[in-house]
Amino acid sequence: MSGSKPDILWAPHHVDRFVVCDSELSLYHIDSAVSSELKAGSLRLSEETTATLLSINSDTPYMKCVAWYPKYDPECLLAVGQANGRVVLTSLGQDHNSKSKDLIGKEFVPKHARQCNTLAWNPLDSNWLAAGLDKHRADFSVLIWDISSKYAPETAVATEKVRLSAGDAEAGLVVTKPLYELGQNDACLSLCWLPRDQKLLLAGMHRNLAIFDLRNTSQKIFVNTKAVQGVTVDPYFHDRVASFYEGQVAIWDLRKFEKPVLTLTEQPKPLTKVAWCPTRTGLLATLTRDSNIIRLYDMQHTPTPIGDETEPTIIERSVQPCENYIASFAWHPTNQNRMVVVTPNRTMSDFTVFERISLAWSPVTSLMWACGRHLYECTEEGKASSLEKDIATKMRLRALSRYGLDTEQVWRNHLLAGNEDPQLKSLWYTLHYILYFTVYTEDMDQKLTGNKGPLVYAGIKSIVKSSLG
């Protein structure tokens, strides 16, 4: 989320809900369009879908980043990072249990005020919330907060809860002591937890990508690079990470973290968002500023030999979900290749990226094609007779039935062909009689003349005018 441009977040546990956030949080419910007429308050997203506004939260001004709580309970809890560095827990009016009431309104305040750039919930230990802040010469830029101190590790410093003044009592509790402080005298622009280990945090700092291990915060693994924005892990390959800088995307392999394994083509305008598809292996979407085009990079599964410096094979394509400039987009968490895009004026579109279709002919003339996760076979409609079948199909079926190889009873070959072609039946009966009379007359002529050599007959005339009359 940059400036006042809207961003989209899908609900982690509701595939039909998403929130649009800019100056306020707006929760929408997406539904199928059963008719061409829109219901009151609904927005048309596509020919098949509409969106209905469920609630609006305008209690957290100066929003710079938003992150949705990853667990089901409470289901509508969000963390909002503000321009002064504070992180506020808020809701979208859907929670009524005591757990969410204790959390809503809680604030996490750094020592020195500066902008909060990014937020990331720990996917396993969901009480941990990482915040990335701008640089301050006397403070840390990566703060990890525990939203519920009773779940804090014994080794960590207990959080301090300070009641606000009477005038702000409704705002809840203020936490001023984080569990962990990382990245001193630096700026943090992006964050993500590494799925392979809940204690590892990847941070895009000012001039490097750093992996912090919370079991030993004094050490870190880092690589110098300018591509420190938008760090995100491939959900299907946890060692593959994407980040960007200006118009360039870097793909990293955490097992060999010295340099990017792939650098995608530089775009003329700065990138604003990079996101892996959650339903498709190795599909990365990128968006540049002031553009209505989303670029897709399909990372093919071509194994790279050890020691070979060649880059992996990728297929690049572009899609245009709408006519206006796109402010942001979000992949649907479960529907394959589906995304919702939003324009700067909050116009939204529901869009599905169609896969390339691969066709294949089998040696037996069957037609197959693949699209996404689906495999289709083309079959003939109805039961076509042998006369209507393709000649290649006829030839194969006849060859399998050993058509033409019955030399004892030659007339039976028309049965092996299916016994459905009267002309073919007449042909094989004619051949049968020709061969029968040929052999018969050869035997009689040999007995009469004593000549053991074979006789040659030109056709039916020679047969009917045999020496036997």
Protein backbone atom coordinates (compact mmCIF):
# COMPACT_ATOMS: atom_id res chain seq x y z
CA MET A 1 0.00 0.00 0.00
CA SER A 2 1.63 3.25 -1.09
CA GLY A 3 0.22 6.70 -0.41
CA SER A 4 -3.55 6.83 -0.75
CA LYS A 5 -3.78 4.27 -3.55
CA PRO A 6 -6.13 1.44 -2.58
CA ASP A 7 -4.90 -2.07 -1.94
CA ILE A 8 -6.76 -5.40 -1.71
CA LEU A 9 -6.50 -8.15 0.91
CA TRP A 10 -8.41 -11.43 0.72
CA ALA A 11 -9.78 -12.82 3.96
CA PRO A 12 -7.57 -15.76 5.02
CA HIS A 13 -10.51 -18.04 5.86
CA HIS A 14 -13.37 -16.66 3.76
CA VAL A 15 -12.91 -17.13 0.03
CA ASP A 16 -15.81 -14.76 -0.69
CA ARG A 17 -14.60 -11.74 1.31
CA PHE A 18 -11.94 -9.14 0.74
CA VAL A 19 -11.05 -5.72 2.10
CA VAL A 20 -10.09 -2.62 0.15
CA CYS A 21 -7.89 -0.26 2.13
CA ASP A 22 -6.76 3.30 1.44
CA SER A 23 -8.03 6.06 3.73
CA GLU A 24 -10.46 3.56 5.27
CA LEU A 25 -11.10 -0.18 5.40
CA SER A 26 -14.03 -1.47 3.36
CA LEU A 27 -15.12 -5.11 3.66
CA TYR A 28 -16.82 -6.62 0.59
CA HIS A 29 -18.65 -9.87 0.01
CA ILE A 30 -18.27 -11.34 -3.47
CA ASP A 31 -21.15 -13.33 -4.95
CA SER A 32 -22.37 -14.82 -8.21
CA ALA A 33 -24.46 -12.60 -10.45
CA VAL A 34 -27.71 -14.54 -10.88
CA SER A 35 -29.26 -11.91 -13.13
CA SER A 36 -28.26 -8.94 -15.22
CA GLU A 37 -29.82 -6.54 -12.71
CA LEU A 38 -27.66 -5.35 -9.81
CA LYS A 39 -28.99 -5.39 -6.27
CA ALA A 40 -28.98 -2.14 -4.34
CA GLY A 41 -25.50 -1.44 -3.02
CA SER A 42 -23.81 -4.06 -5.23
CA LEU A 43 -20.94 -3.45 -7.61
CA ARG A 44 -20.43 -5.29 -10.88
CA LEU A 45 -17.04 -7.04 -10.91
CA SER A 46 -17.53 -9.21 -14.00
CA GLU A 47 -20.29 -10.83 -16.01
CA GLU A 48 -20.48 -13.59 -13.40
CA THR A 49 -19.73 -11.83 -10.08
CA THR A 50 -20.77 -8.84 -7.98
CA ALA A 51 -19.49 -7.35 -4.71
CA THR A 52 -21.58 -6.08 -1.80
CA LEU A 53 -20.22 -3.70 0.83
CA LEU A 54 -20.56 -5.25 4.31
CA SER A 55 -18.85 -2.73 6.58
CA ILE A 56 -16.54 0.29 6.69
CA ASN A 57 -13.87 1.08 9.28
CA SER A 58 -12.54 4.63 9.26
CA ASP A 59 -11.12 4.61 12.80
CA THR A 60 -7.46 4.26 11.77
CA PRO A 61 -6.24 7.27 9.77
CA TYR A 62 -2.80 7.68 8.18
CA MET A 63 -2.67 4.02 7.10
CA LYS A 64 0.52 2.94 5.37
CA CYS A 65 0.16 -0.85 5.48
CA VAL A 66 -2.41 -3.45 6.55
CA ALA A 67 -2.11 -7.14 7.43
CA TRP A 68 -4.98 -9.56 8.10
CA TYR A 69 -4.72 -11.84 11.16
CA PRO A 70 -3.96 -15.32 9.74
CA LYS A 71 -5.95 -17.51 12.12
CA TYR A 72 -9.70 -18.16 12.01
CA ASP A 73 -10.42 -16.77 15.48
CA PRO A 74 -10.78 -13.81 15.60
CA GLU A 75 -11.57 -13.83 11.89
CA CYS A 76 -11.83 -10.11 11.13
CA LEU A 77 -8.85 -8.78 13.09
CA LEU A 78 -6.47 -6.55 11.14
CA ALA A 79 -3.22 -4.80 12.00
CA VAL A 80 -2.76 -1.30 10.61
CA GLY A 81 0.65 0.39 10.36
CA GLN A 82 0.47 4.16 10.52
CA ALA A 83 2.59 7.08 9.37
CA ASN A 84 3.83 7.70 12.94
CA GLY A 85 5.08 4.12 13.33
CA ARG A 86 2.25 2.91 15.54
CA VAL A 87 0.61 -0.44 14.85
CA VAL A 88 -3.08 -0.58 15.75
CA LEU A 89 -5.28 -3.67 15.96
CA THR A 90 -8.74 -3.06 14.57
CA SER A 91 -11.75 -5.00 13.34
CA LEU A 92 -14.35 -4.88 10.59
CA GLY A 93 -17.34 -5.29 12.86
CA GLN A 94 -17.73 -9.04 12.39
CA ASP A 95 -16.29 -10.24 15.71
CA HIS A 96 -18.24 -10.33 18.96
CA ASN A 97 -16.29 -12.73 21.15
CA SER A 98 -14.28 -11.70 24.21
CA LYS A 99 -10.92 -12.58 22.64
CA SER A 100 -11.27 -10.03 19.86
CA LYS A 101 -12.65 -7.42 22.24
CA ASP A 102 -9.48 -7.66 24.32
CA LEU A 103 -7.34 -7.09 21.23
CA ILE A 104 -9.25 -4.46 19.27
CA GLY A 105 -7.85 -1.00 19.91
CA LYS A 106 -4.50 -2.23 21.25
CA GLU A 107 -1.56 -0.13 20.03
CA PHE A 108 2.10 -0.99 19.66
CA VAL A 109 4.28 2.10 19.83
CA PRO A 110 8.00 2.37 18.94
CA LYS A 111 10.39 4.56 20.91
CA HIS A 112 10.78 7.08 18.11
CA ALA A 113 8.03 8.06 15.71
CA ARG A 114 8.60 7.33 12.00
CA GLN A 115 6.65 5.68 9.22
CA CYS A 116 5.63 2.01 9.40
CA ASN A 117 6.30 0.53 5.95
CA THR A 118 5.27 -3.10 6.25
CA LEU A 119 3.60 -5.66 8.53
CA ALA A 120 3.78 -9.46 8.62
CA TRP A 121 2.00 -11.95 10.90
CA ASN A 122 3.85 -15.10 11.82
CA PRO A 123 1.86 -17.87 10.06
CA LEU A 124 2.43 -20.41 12.87
CA ASP A 125 2.77 -18.38 16.06
CA SER A 126 0.01 -15.97 15.16
CA ASN A 127 0.56 -13.80 18.25
CA TRP A 128 3.75 -12.49 16.71
CA LEU A 129 3.48 -9.45 14.48
CA ALA A 130 6.55 -8.04 12.72
CA ALA A 131 6.66 -4.37 11.77
CA GLY A 132 9.17 -2.69 9.45
CA LEU A 133 9.88 1.00 10.07
CA ASP A 134 11.87 3.80 8.51
CA LYS A 135 15.41 4.45 9.70
CA HIS A 136 16.19 6.16 13.01
CA ARG A 137 19.78 6.64 14.10
CA ALA A 138 19.05 5.63 17.70
CA ASP A 139 16.49 2.90 17.22
CA PHE A 140 15.77 -0.40 15.50
CA SER A 141 13.70 -0.68 12.32
CA VAL A 142 12.34 -4.25 12.69
CA LEU A 143 10.14 -4.70 15.75
CA ILE A 144 8.37 -7.94 16.62
CA TRP A 145 5.37 -7.48 18.86
CA ASP A 146 3.41 -10.07 20.84
CA ILE A 147 -0.23 -9.09 20.62
CA SER A 148 -0.99 -11.19 23.71
CA SER A 149 1.70 -11.06 26.39
CA LYS A 150 0.54 -14.26 28.07
CA TYR A 151 1.87 -16.19 25.05
CA ALA A 152 5.27 -14.46 25.17
CA PRO A 153 8.37 -16.69 25.60
CA GLU A 154 9.78 -16.74 29.11
CA THR A 155 13.12 -15.52 27.81
CA ALA A 156 11.60 -12.47 26.19
CA VAL A 157 11.11 -9.22 28.00
CA ALA A 158 7.52 -8.91 29.19
CA THR A 159 5.47 -6.32 27.38
CA GLU A 160 4.58 -3.15 29.21
CA LYS A 161 0.91 -2.27 29.19
CA VAL A 162 0.18 1.33 29.93
CA ARG A 163 -3.30 2.73 30.23
CA LEU A 164 -3.96 5.78 28.14
CA SER A 165 -5.24 8.97 29.63
CA ALA A 166 -8.90 9.16 30.54
CA GLY A 167 -9.70 10.98 27.33
CA ASP A 168 -8.36 8.08 25.21
CA ALA A 169 -9.44 5.20 27.42
CA GLU A 170 -11.55 3.68 24.68
CA ALA A 171 -8.47 3.13 22.51
CA GLY A 172 -7.42 0.21 24.72
CA LEU A 173 -3.92 -0.73 25.81
CA VAL A 174 -0.58 0.56 24.62
CA VAL A 175 2.41 -1.79 24.33
CA THR A 176 5.77 -0.06 24.25
CA LYS A 177 8.24 -2.93 24.59
CA PRO A 178 8.61 -5.33 21.65
CA LEU A 179 9.68 -8.94 22.00
CA TYR A 180 12.53 -8.51 19.53
CA GLU A 181 14.35 -5.50 18.08
CA LEU A 182 16.35 -5.98 14.89
CA GLY A 183 18.06 -3.88 12.21
CA GLN A 184 19.62 -1.07 14.17
CA ASN A 185 20.39 2.18 12.36
CA ASP A 186 18.76 0.99 9.15
CA ALA A 187 15.41 1.15 7.34
CA CYS A 188 13.09 -1.80 6.68
CA LEU A 189 11.00 -1.63 3.51
CA SER A 190 9.49 -5.15 3.36
CA LEU A 191 9.08 -8.26 5.53
CA CYS A 192 8.01 -11.89 5.29
CA TRP A 193 8.29 -14.89 7.57
CA LEU A 194 9.94 -17.96 6.06
CA PRO A 195 7.52 -20.92 6.06
CA ARG A 196 10.27 -23.50 6.55
CA ASP A 197 11.02 -22.15 10.07
CA GLN A 198 8.80 -19.90 12.18
CA LYS A 199 11.87 -18.33 13.79
CA LEU A 200 13.29 -17.01 10.51
CA LEU A 201 12.32 -13.56 9.27
CA LEU A 202 13.35 -12.20 5.86
CA ALA A 203 13.64 -8.42 5.75
CA GLY A 204 14.27 -6.05 2.89
CA MET A 205 16.51 -3.48 4.54
CA HIS A 206 17.86 -0.27 3.02
CA ARG A 207 20.68 -1.86 1.00
CA ASN A 208 20.45 -5.60 1.68
CA LEU A 209 18.20 -8.58 2.15
CA ALA A 210 18.68 -10.02 5.63
CA ILE A 211 17.52 -13.27 7.23
CA PHE A 212 17.14 -12.87 10.99
CA ASP A 213 17.09 -15.98 13.20
CA LEU A 214 15.21 -15.14 16.39
CA ARG A 215 17.09 -17.89 18.25
CA ASN A 216 20.26 -15.82 17.84
CA THR A 217 19.42 -12.22 17.05
CA SER A 218 23.05 -11.11 17.12
CA GLN A 219 23.72 -12.87 13.84
CA LYS A 220 22.09 -12.55 10.46
CA ILE A 221 22.56 -13.79 6.90
CA PHE A 222 22.48 -10.99 4.38
CA VAL A 223 23.28 -10.15 0.77
CA ASN A 224 23.87 -6.66 -0.60
CA THR A 225 21.28 -5.70 -3.21
CA LYS A 226 19.00 -2.87 -4.25
CA ALA A 227 16.05 -5.26 -4.76
CA VAL A 228 14.69 -5.01 -1.21
CA GLN A 229 11.03 -4.14 -1.82
CA GLY A 230 8.08 -6.51 -1.79
CA VAL A 231 9.86 -9.63 -0.51
CA THR A 232 7.56 -12.63 -0.91
CA VAL A 233 8.04 -16.40 -0.72
CA ASP A 234 6.79 -18.82 -3.38
CA PRO A 235 4.07 -20.84 -1.58
CA TYR A 236 5.04 -23.99 -3.51
CA PHE A 237 8.82 -23.64 -3.23
CA HIS A 238 9.79 -22.20 0.15
CA ASP A 239 13.40 -21.56 -0.85
CA ARG A 240 12.37 -19.28 -3.74
CA VAL A 241 11.85 -15.60 -2.95
CA ALA A 242 10.98 -12.62 -5.15
CA SER A 243 11.86 -8.98 -4.48
CA PHE A 244 12.03 -5.88 -6.65
CA TYR A 245 13.66 -2.49 -7.10
CA GLU A 246 12.44 0.18 -9.51
CA GLY A 247 11.50 -1.82 -12.64
CA GLN A 248 13.52 -4.95 -11.93
CA VAL A 249 12.50 -8.20 -10.22
CA ALA A 250 15.04 -10.48 -8.56
CA ILE A 251 14.35 -14.17 -7.90
CA TRP A 252 16.42 -15.66 -5.06
CA ASP A 253 17.19 -19.21 -3.95
CA LEU A 254 17.72 -19.16 -0.18
CA ARG A 255 19.99 -22.22 -0.42
CA LYS A 256 22.51 -20.18 -2.42
CA PHE A 257 21.83 -16.67 -1.27
CA GLU A 258 24.90 -14.97 -2.77
CA LYS A 259 23.14 -13.54 -5.81
CA PRO A 260 19.79 -13.79 -7.64
CA VAL A 261 19.24 -16.96 -9.64
CA LEU A 262 17.12 -14.96 -12.07
CA THR A 263 16.63 -11.30 -12.91
CA LEU A 264 13.47 -10.47 -14.82
CA THR A 265 13.42 -7.95 -17.64
CA GLU A 266 13.58 -4.37 -16.46
CA GLN A 267 10.37 -2.42 -17.02
CA PRO A 268 10.34 1.28 -18.04
CA LYS A 269 8.26 2.28 -14.99
CA PRO A 270 8.79 1.45 -11.31
CA LEU A 271 7.07 -1.66 -9.99
CA THR A 272 4.39 -1.29 -7.32
CA LYS A 273 3.50 -4.90 -6.51
CA VAL A 274 4.82 -8.44 -6.99
CA ALA A 275 2.85 -11.52 -5.89
CA TRP A 276 3.10 -15.29 -6.34
CA CYS A 277 -0.04 -17.13 -7.42
CA PRO A 278 -1.30 -19.22 -4.46
CA THR A 279 -3.00 -21.80 -6.69
CA ARG A 280 -0.38 -22.30 -9.39
CA THR A 281 3.23 -23.40 -9.10
CA GLY A 282 5.85 -20.82 -10.08
CA LEU A 283 3.53 -18.12 -11.47
CA LEU A 284 4.54 -14.57 -10.54
CA ALA A 285 2.46 -11.46 -11.27
CA THR A 286 3.93 -7.95 -11.38
CA LEU A 287 2.37 -4.50 -11.67
CA THR A 288 4.05 -1.23 -12.63
CA ARG A 289 2.97 2.29 -11.80
CA ASP A 290 0.35 3.95 -14.06
CA SER A 291 -0.35 0.77 -16.01
CA ASN A 292 -3.39 -1.35 -16.84
CA ILE A 293 -1.21 -4.34 -17.69
CA ILE A 294 -0.25 -7.16 -15.31
CA ARG A 295 2.80 -9.14 -16.38
CA LEU A 296 2.98 -12.84 -15.63
CA TYR A 297 6.19 -14.83 -15.37
CA ASP A 298 5.82 -18.60 -15.48
CA MET A 299 8.87 -20.25 -13.93
CA GLN A 300 9.24 -23.53 -15.78
CA HIS A 301 10.50 -26.61 -13.94
CA THR A 302 13.72 -26.99 -15.87
CA PRO A 303 16.40 -28.52 -13.61
CA THR A 304 19.67 -26.60 -13.71
CA PRO A 305 22.79 -28.79 -13.61
CA ILE A 306 25.19 -28.20 -10.75
CA GLY A 307 27.74 -25.59 -11.72
CA ASP A 308 25.75 -24.44 -14.74
CA GLU A 309 25.20 -20.67 -14.77
CA THR A 310 22.29 -20.72 -17.23
CA GLU A 311 19.12 -19.06 -16.01
CA PRO A 312 15.90 -21.08 -15.54
CA THR A 313 13.41 -21.13 -18.38
CA ILE A 314 10.49 -18.70 -18.02
CA ILE A 315 7.48 -17.84 -20.12
CA GLU A 316 6.40 -14.21 -20.04
CA ARG A 317 2.96 -12.92 -20.94
CA SER A 318 0.75 -9.92 -20.22
CA VAL A 319 -2.94 -9.62 -19.32
CA GLN A 320 -5.21 -6.58 -19.26
CA PRO A 321 -7.99 -7.01 -16.67
CA CYS A 322 -9.51 -3.55 -17.27
CA GLU A 323 -9.14 -0.37 -19.29
CA ASN A 324 -8.16 2.00 -16.47
CA TYR A 325 -4.88 2.14 -14.57
CA ILE A 326 -4.57 -0.54 -11.89
CA ALA A 327 -3.74 0.56 -8.35
CA SER A 328 -3.36 -2.96 -6.97
CA PHE A 329 -4.39 -6.59 -7.43
CA ALA A 330 -4.79 -9.69 -5.29
CA TRP A 331 -4.79 -13.36 -6.27
CA HIS A 332 -7.78 -15.35 -5.04
CA PRO A 333 -6.56 -17.77 -2.31
CA THR A 334 -8.30 -20.88 -3.71
CA ASN A 335 -9.81 -20.28 -7.17
CA GLN A 336 -7.22 -21.13 -9.78
CA ASN A 337 -5.61 -18.14 -11.54
CA ARG A 338 -8.31 -15.74 -10.37
CA MET A 339 -7.60 -12.21 -9.19
CA VAL A 340 -9.43 -9.01 -8.30
CA VAL A 341 -7.95 -5.68 -9.39
CA VAL A 342 -8.79 -2.19 -8.12
CA THR A 343 -8.25 1.16 -9.82
CA PRO A 344 -7.28 4.42 -8.04
CA ASN A 345 -10.95 5.47 -7.91
CA ARG A 346 -11.93 2.09 -6.32
CA THR A 347 -13.41 0.55 -9.44
CA MET A 348 -12.93 -3.22 -9.15
CA SER A 349 -12.78 -6.08 -11.65
CA ASP A 350 -12.90 -9.84 -11.16
CA PHE A 351 -10.61 -11.55 -13.63
CA THR A 352 -9.36 -15.06 -14.42
CA VAL A 353 -6.03 -15.61 -16.14
CA PHE A 354 -6.55 -18.38 -18.65
CA GLU A 355 -3.77 -20.87 -19.11
CA ARG A 356 -2.18 -21.62 -22.44
CA ILE A 357 -3.82 -24.66 -24.01
CA SER A 358 -1.52 -27.52 -25.06
CA LEU A 359 -2.77 -29.89 -27.76
CA ALA A 360 -1.53 -33.42 -28.42
CA TRP A 361 -2.44 -36.08 -30.98
CA SER A 362 -1.97 -39.67 -29.93
CA PRO A 363 -0.72 -42.34 -32.39
CA VAL A 364 -4.28 -43.69 -32.45
CA THR A 365 -5.69 -40.27 -33.52
CA SER A 366 -7.18 -39.36 -30.13
CA LEU A 367 -7.03 -35.63 -29.38
CA MET A 368 -6.09 -34.43 -25.87
CA TRP A 369 -5.55 -30.96 -24.50
CA ALA A 370 -4.49 -29.54 -21.13
CA CYS A 371 -5.69 -26.30 -19.57
CA GLY A 372 -4.58 -25.51 -16.04
CA ARG A 373 -5.14 -28.54 -13.84
CA HIS A 374 -7.65 -30.09 -16.21
CA LEU A 375 -7.06 -32.66 -18.96
CA TYR A 376 -9.62 -33.01 -21.72
CA GLU A 377 -10.14 -35.72 -24.34
CA CYS A 378 -11.93 -35.24 -27.62
CA THR A 379 -14.25 -38.14 -28.44
CA GLU A 380 -16.63 -38.74 -31.34
CA GLU A 381 -20.25 -37.98 -30.56
CA GLY A 382 -22.58 -40.96 -30.85
CA LYS A 383 -21.68 -44.36 -32.24
CA ALA A 384 -20.39 -43.70 -35.71
CA SER A 385 -20.50 -46.60 -38.16
CA SER A 386 -17.35 -47.88 -39.78
CA LEU A 387 -18.32 -46.07 -42.99
CA GLU A 388 -18.22 -42.72 -41.17
CA LYS A 389 -14.97 -43.32 -39.30
CA ASP A 390 -11.72 -41.78 -40.37
CA ILE A 391 -9.68 -43.95 -42.75
CA ALA A 392 -6.77 -44.05 -40.30
CA THR A 393 -9.11 -45.37 -37.60
CA LYS A 394 -10.46 -48.00 -39.99
CA MET A 395 -6.96 -49.12 -40.92
CA ARG A 396 -5.93 -49.47 -37.29
CA LEU A 397 -9.02 -51.42 -36.25
CA ARG A 398 -8.68 -53.75 -39.24
CA ALA A 399 -5.01 -54.32 -38.57
CA LEU A 400 -5.82 -55.25 -34.95
CA SER A 401 -8.38 -57.82 -36.17
CA ARG A 402 -5.73 -59.31 -38.56
CA TYR A 403 -7.72 -58.20 -41.56
CA GLY A 404 -6.49 -59.67 -44.84
CA LEU A 405 -4.43 -62.43 -43.22
CA ASP A 406 -6.96 -65.29 -43.48
CA THR A 407 -5.58 -67.14 -46.50
CA GLU A 408 -7.45 -70.39 -45.88
CA GLN A 409 -10.96 -68.98 -46.10
CA VAL A 410 -10.35 -65.78 -47.99
CA TRP A 411 -14.02 -64.76 -48.00
CA ARG A 412 -13.92 -64.39 -44.19
CA ASN A 413 -11.72 -61.28 -44.41
CA HIS A 414 -14.76 -59.11 -44.93
CA LEU A 415 -15.97 -60.27 -41.50
CA LEU A 416 -12.66 -59.18 -39.99
CA ALA A 417 -13.27 -55.74 -41.53
CA GLY A 418 -16.56 -55.43 -39.66
CA ASN A 419 -19.03 -56.94 -42.15
CA GLU A 420 -20.57 -53.53 -42.73
CA ASP A 421 -19.39 -52.72 -46.26
CA PRO A 422 -21.26 -54.65 -49.02
CA GLN A 423 -18.65 -53.66 -51.63
CA LEU A 424 -15.88 -55.06 -49.46
CA LYS A 425 -17.88 -58.26 -49.00
CA SER A 426 -18.26 -58.61 -52.78
CA LEU A 427 -14.52 -57.99 -53.25
CA TRP A 428 -13.43 -60.74 -50.84
CA TYR A 429 -15.94 -63.29 -52.22
CA THR A 430 -14.66 -62.55 -55.73
CA LEU A 431 -11.05 -62.99 -54.59
CA HIS A 432 -12.04 -66.21 -52.87
CA TYR A 433 -13.55 -67.67 -56.06
CA ILE A 434 -10.61 -66.52 -58.19
CA LEU A 435 -8.13 -68.21 -55.86
CA TYR A 436 -10.31 -71.31 -55.54
CA PHE A 437 -10.69 -71.84 -59.28
CA THR A 438 -7.05 -70.94 -59.87
CA VAL A 439 -5.82 -73.62 -57.51
CA TYR A 440 -8.41 -76.13 -58.78
CA THR A 441 -7.60 -75.64 -62.47
CA GLU A 442 -3.85 -75.64 -61.76
CA ASP A 443 -4.18 -79.05 -60.15
CA MET A 444 -6.26 -80.43 -63.06
CA ASP A 445 -3.91 -79.06 -65.73
CA GLN A 446 -0.89 -80.52 -63.91
CA LYS A 447 -2.53 -83.93 -63.81
CA LEU A 448 -3.36 -83.82 -67.52
CA THR A 449 -0.13 -82.36 -68.89
CA GLY A 450 2.37 -83.35 -66.23
CA ASN A 451 3.65 -79.79 -66.18
CA LYS A 452 4.52 -78.84 -62.59
CA GLY A 453 5.07 -75.15 -63.32
CA PRO A 454 2.42 -72.65 -62.21
CA LEU A 455 -0.01 -71.32 -64.76
CA VAL A 456 -0.58 -67.58 -65.08
CA TYR A 457 -4.12 -66.34 -65.51
CA ALA A 458 -4.94 -62.84 -66.75
CA GLY A 459 -8.37 -62.64 -65.12
CA ILE A 460 -11.94 -63.90 -65.17
CA LYS A 461 -11.85 -64.76 -68.89
CA SER A 462 -9.06 -67.28 -68.38
CA ILE A 463 -10.92 -68.84 -65.47
CA VAL A 464 -14.24 -69.39 -67.28
CA LYS A 465 -12.43 -70.67 -70.40
CA SER A 466 -10.44 -73.27 -68.53
CA SER A 467 -9.38 -76.51 -70.12
CA LEU A 468 -12.27 -78.27 -68.38
CA GLY A 469 -14.71 -76.19 -70.35
